[in-house]
Amino acid sequence: MLCFCFFLHHAEKRLNSAIYRFLTRNGIDRYDPARFLDYKLEVLQMLLYCLPRLDPEQETEFLKYAKHYVRDGPLFCRMMVEAGSFASLAEYRHVRQIGAIYNNSAKTAQKSFPSLPSKADTRMKAYLRMNC
């Protein structure tokens, strides 16, 4: 446990920046200390969860080993905040990946076919004029 405290003392700045990047990347523009602390405590809990699984004989740096747990901590918090209806973190991660693909495909479609939305809007307006 003493080694873990030493690790946290030296890696806290990196952990804080990872959490801050996660929060600002996902559309939260302002800094909320309470939310930041919740996410940080979740990351620390994940690190404590993976600590017994570390094999020091492999001579891996702990942060490289725990990278996935550091990423999963804020994601787990977000999963609980958004809906809480997912069976597991893996399912939630998969749904977010599908959403990101869908969101990115719409952006690339608008760049590739800029005239497409205007034609669809014109057709919709004509349809509404005829039926209303």
C-alpha atoms as a PDB file:
ATOM      1  CA  MET A   1       0.000   0.000   0.000  1.00  0.00           C
ATOM      2  CA  LEU A   2       2.945   2.301   0.657  1.00  0.00           C
ATOM      3  CA  CYS A   3       4.105   1.796  -2.936  1.00  0.00           C
ATOM      4  CA  PHE A   4       0.621   2.713  -4.153  1.00  0.00           C
ATOM      5  CA  CYS A   5       0.696   5.983  -2.191  1.00  0.00           C
ATOM      6  CA  PHE A   6       4.112   6.735  -3.671  1.00  0.00           C
ATOM      7  CA  PHE A   7       2.749   6.012  -7.148  1.00  0.00           C
ATOM      8  CA  LEU A   8      -0.229   8.314  -6.604  1.00  0.00           C
ATOM      9  CA  HIS A   9       2.028  11.086  -5.386  1.00  0.00           C
ATOM     10  CA  HIS A  10       4.044  10.972  -8.609  1.00  0.00           C
ATOM     11  CA  ALA A  11       1.252  10.177 -11.066  1.00  0.00           C
ATOM     12  CA  GLU A  12      -1.509  12.402  -9.725  1.00  0.00           C
ATOM     13  CA  LYS A  13      -0.875  15.148 -12.262  1.00  0.00           C
ATOM     14  CA  ARG A  14      -1.182  12.670 -15.148  1.00  0.00           C
ATOM     15  CA  LEU A  15      -4.341  11.162 -13.672  1.00  0.00           C
ATOM     16  CA  ASN A  16      -5.886  14.595 -13.186  1.00  0.00           C
ATOM     17  CA  SER A  17      -5.134  15.559 -16.776  1.00  0.00           C
ATOM     18  CA  ALA A  18      -6.642  12.297 -18.060  1.00  0.00           C
ATOM     19  CA  ILE A  19      -9.842  12.931 -16.111  1.00  0.00           C
ATOM     20  CA  TYR A  20      -9.973  16.576 -17.191  1.00  0.00           C
ATOM     21  CA  ARG A  21      -9.515  15.581 -20.860  1.00  0.00           C
ATOM     22  CA  PHE A  22     -12.311  13.027 -20.526  1.00  0.00           C
ATOM     23  CA  LEU A  23     -14.674  15.583 -19.039  1.00  0.00           C
ATOM     24  CA  THR A  24     -13.951  18.317 -21.569  1.00  0.00           C
ATOM     25  CA  ARG A  25     -13.846  15.970 -24.563  1.00  0.00           C
ATOM     26  CA  ASN A  26     -17.369  14.769 -23.925  1.00  0.00           C
ATOM     27  CA  GLY A  27     -19.022  18.155 -24.106  1.00  0.00           C
ATOM     28  CA  ILE A  28     -18.783  19.433 -20.550  1.00  0.00           C
ATOM     29  CA  ASP A  29     -17.215  22.847 -20.992  1.00  0.00           C
ATOM     30  CA  ARG A  30     -17.062  24.125 -17.468  1.00  0.00           C
ATOM     31  CA  TYR A  31     -15.017  22.768 -14.596  1.00  0.00           C
ATOM     32  CA  ASP A  32     -17.156  21.268 -11.847  1.00  0.00           C
ATOM     33  CA  PRO A  33     -15.045  20.357  -8.779  1.00  0.00           C
ATOM     34  CA  ALA A  34     -17.636  17.953  -7.359  1.00  0.00           C
ATOM     35  CA  ARG A  35     -17.928  16.022 -10.625  1.00  0.00           C
ATOM     36  CA  PHE A  36     -14.145  16.022 -11.056  1.00  0.00           C
ATOM     37  CA  LEU A  37     -13.712  14.604  -7.548  1.00  0.00           C
ATOM     38  CA  ASP A  38     -16.311  11.882  -8.187  1.00  0.00           C
ATOM     39  CA  TYR A  39     -14.510  10.827 -11.337  1.00  0.00           C
ATOM     40  CA  LYS A  40     -11.137  10.939  -9.609  1.00  0.00           C
ATOM     41  CA  LEU A  41     -12.369   8.741  -6.756  1.00  0.00           C
ATOM     42  CA  GLU A  42     -13.721   6.260  -9.280  1.00  0.00           C
ATOM     43  CA  VAL A  43     -10.338   6.138 -11.032  1.00  0.00           C
ATOM     44  CA  LEU A  44      -8.607   5.554  -7.695  1.00  0.00           C
ATOM     45  CA  GLN A  45     -11.064   2.775  -6.916  1.00  0.00           C
ATOM     46  CA  MET A  46     -10.310   1.164 -10.281  1.00  0.00           C
ATOM     47  CA  LEU A  47      -6.571   1.438  -9.606  1.00  0.00           C
ATOM     48  CA  LEU A  48      -7.010  -0.237  -6.230  1.00  0.00           C
ATOM     49  CA  TYR A  49      -9.044  -2.929  -7.973  1.00  0.00           C
ATOM     50  CA  CYS A  50      -6.257  -3.711 -10.443  1.00  0.00           C
ATOM     51  CA  LEU A  51      -3.391  -3.449  -7.947  1.00  0.00           C
ATOM     52  CA  PRO A  52      -3.551  -7.092  -6.739  1.00  0.00           C
ATOM     53  CA  ARG A  53      -3.494  -8.299 -10.354  1.00  0.00           C
ATOM     54  CA  LEU A  54      -0.142  -6.621 -11.080  1.00  0.00           C
ATOM     55  CA  ASP A  55       2.735  -9.035 -11.390  1.00  0.00           C
ATOM     56  CA  PRO A  56       5.914  -7.128 -10.452  1.00  0.00           C
ATOM     57  CA  GLU A  57       8.081  -9.890 -11.891  1.00  0.00           C
ATOM     58  CA  GLN A  58       7.023  -8.892 -15.391  1.00  0.00           C
ATOM     59  CA  GLU A  59       8.772  -5.567 -14.785  1.00  0.00           C
ATOM     60  CA  THR A  60       5.997  -3.505 -16.299  1.00  0.00           C
ATOM     61  CA  GLU A  61       5.384   0.041 -15.238  1.00  0.00           C
ATOM     62  CA  PHE A  62       2.196   0.208 -13.194  1.00  0.00           C
ATOM     63  CA  LEU A  63       0.688   3.063 -15.166  1.00  0.00           C
ATOM     64  CA  LYS A  64       1.117   1.166 -18.452  1.00  0.00           C
ATOM     65  CA  TYR A  65      -0.569  -1.816 -16.842  1.00  0.00           C
ATOM     66  CA  ALA A  66      -3.352   0.265 -15.310  1.00  0.00           C
ATOM     67  CA  LYS A  67      -4.024   2.377 -18.425  1.00  0.00           C
ATOM     68  CA  HIS A  68      -7.254   0.559 -19.222  1.00  0.00           C
ATOM     69  CA  TYR A  69      -8.492   0.924 -15.668  1.00  0.00           C
ATOM     70  CA  VAL A  70      -7.742   4.654 -15.731  1.00  0.00           C
ATOM     71  CA  ARG A  71      -9.817   4.930 -18.908  1.00  0.00           C
ATOM     72  CA  ASP A  72     -12.635   2.766 -17.564  1.00  0.00           C
ATOM     73  CA  GLY A  73     -13.088   4.736 -14.326  1.00  0.00           C
ATOM     74  CA  PRO A  74     -14.558   7.895 -15.881  1.00  0.00           C
ATOM     75  CA  LEU A  75     -16.472   5.815 -18.404  1.00  0.00           C
ATOM     76  CA  PHE A  76     -18.097   3.871 -15.574  1.00  0.00           C
ATOM     77  CA  CYS A  77     -19.078   7.148 -13.886  1.00  0.00           C
ATOM     78  CA  ARG A  78     -20.576   8.411 -17.129  1.00  0.00           C
ATOM     79  CA  MET A  79     -22.455   5.129 -17.543  1.00  0.00           C
ATOM     80  CA  MET A  80     -24.041   5.544 -14.118  1.00  0.00           C
ATOM     81  CA  VAL A  81     -24.947   9.189 -14.750  1.00  0.00           C
ATOM     82  CA  GLU A  82     -26.452   8.718 -18.216  1.00  0.00           C
ATOM     83  CA  ALA A  83     -28.826   5.824 -17.792  1.00  0.00           C
ATOM     84  CA  GLY A  84     -27.641   3.038 -15.554  1.00  0.00           C
ATOM     85  CA  SER A  85     -29.542   0.566 -17.724  1.00  0.00           C
ATOM     86  CA  PHE A  86     -26.521  -1.191 -19.193  1.00  0.00           C
ATOM     87  CA  ALA A  87     -25.549  -4.642 -17.992  1.00  0.00           C
ATOM     88  CA  SER A  88     -21.814  -4.040 -18.080  1.00  0.00           C
ATOM     89  CA  LEU A  89     -19.141  -1.514 -18.871  1.00  0.00           C
ATOM     90  CA  ALA A  90     -18.240  -3.455 -22.018  1.00  0.00           C
ATOM     91  CA  GLU A  91     -21.808  -3.098 -23.305  1.00  0.00           C
ATOM     92  CA  TYR A  92     -21.807   0.633 -22.548  1.00  0.00           C
ATOM     93  CA  ARG A  93     -18.442   1.077 -24.287  1.00  0.00           C
ATOM     94  CA  HIS A  94     -19.789  -0.767 -27.343  1.00  0.00           C
ATOM     95  CA  VAL A  95     -22.894   1.444 -27.486  1.00  0.00           C
ATOM     96  CA  ARG A  96     -20.729   4.580 -27.260  1.00  0.00           C
ATOM     97  CA  GLN A  97     -18.522   3.298 -30.099  1.00  0.00           C
ATOM     98  CA  ILE A  98     -21.578   2.705 -32.271  1.00  0.00           C
ATOM     99  CA  GLY A  99     -22.817   6.211 -31.450  1.00  0.00           C
ATOM    100  CA  ALA A 100     -19.440   7.711 -32.346  1.00  0.00           C
ATOM    101  CA  ILE A 101     -19.394   5.860 -35.676  1.00  0.00           C
ATOM    102  CA  TYR A 102     -22.935   7.050 -36.427  1.00  0.00           C
ATOM    103  CA  ASN A 103     -22.089  10.627 -35.460  1.00  0.00           C
ATOM    104  CA  ASN A 104     -18.900  10.660 -37.535  1.00  0.00           C
ATOM    105  CA  SER A 105     -20.628   9.110 -40.548  1.00  0.00           C
ATOM    106  CA  ALA A 106     -23.193  11.916 -40.578  1.00  0.00           C
ATOM    107  CA  LYS A 107     -20.414  14.513 -40.524  1.00  0.00           C
ATOM    108  CA  THR A 108     -18.550  12.856 -43.383  1.00  0.00           C
ATOM    109  CA  ALA A 109     -21.767  12.462 -45.390  1.00  0.00           C
ATOM    110  CA  GLN A 110     -22.474  16.189 -45.109  1.00  0.00           C
ATOM    111  CA  LYS A 111     -18.927  16.982 -46.225  1.00  0.00           C
ATOM    112  CA  SER A 112     -19.138  14.533 -49.120  1.00  0.00           C
ATOM    113  CA  PHE A 113     -22.634  15.471 -50.276  1.00  0.00           C
ATOM    114  CA  PRO A 114     -23.309  19.107 -49.364  1.00  0.00           C
ATOM    115  CA  SER A 115     -26.361  19.361 -51.634  1.00  0.00           C
ATOM    116  CA  LEU A 116     -28.083  16.351 -50.086  1.00  0.00           C
ATOM    117  CA  PRO A 117     -29.684  18.059 -47.070  1.00  0.00           C
ATOM    118  CA  SER A 118     -31.044  20.930 -49.162  1.00  0.00           C
ATOM    119  CA  LYS A 119     -32.781  18.530 -51.561  1.00  0.00           C
ATOM    120  CA  ALA A 120     -34.237  16.568 -48.665  1.00  0.00           C
ATOM    121  CA  ASP A 121     -35.475  19.770 -47.024  1.00  0.00           C
ATOM    122  CA  THR A 122     -37.100  20.883 -50.293  1.00  0.00           C
ATOM    123  CA  ARG A 123     -38.862  17.543 -50.679  1.00  0.00           C
ATOM    124  CA  MET A 124     -40.062  17.644 -47.074  1.00  0.00           C
ATOM    125  CA  LYS A 125     -41.460  21.163 -47.502  1.00  0.00           C
ATOM    126  CA  ALA A 126     -43.259  20.140 -50.698  1.00  0.00           C
ATOM    127  CA  TYR A 127     -44.683  17.063 -48.969  1.00  0.00           C
ATOM    128  CA  LEU A 128     -45.906  19.131 -46.039  1.00  0.00           C
ATOM    129  CA  ARG A 129     -47.532  21.691 -48.359  1.00  0.00           C
ATOM    130  CA  MET A 130     -49.418  18.942 -50.190  1.00  0.00           C
ATOM    131  CA  ASN A 131     -50.635  17.091 -47.105  1.00  0.00           C
ATOM    132  CA  CYS A 132     -51.353  19.964 -44.707  1.00  0.00           C
END
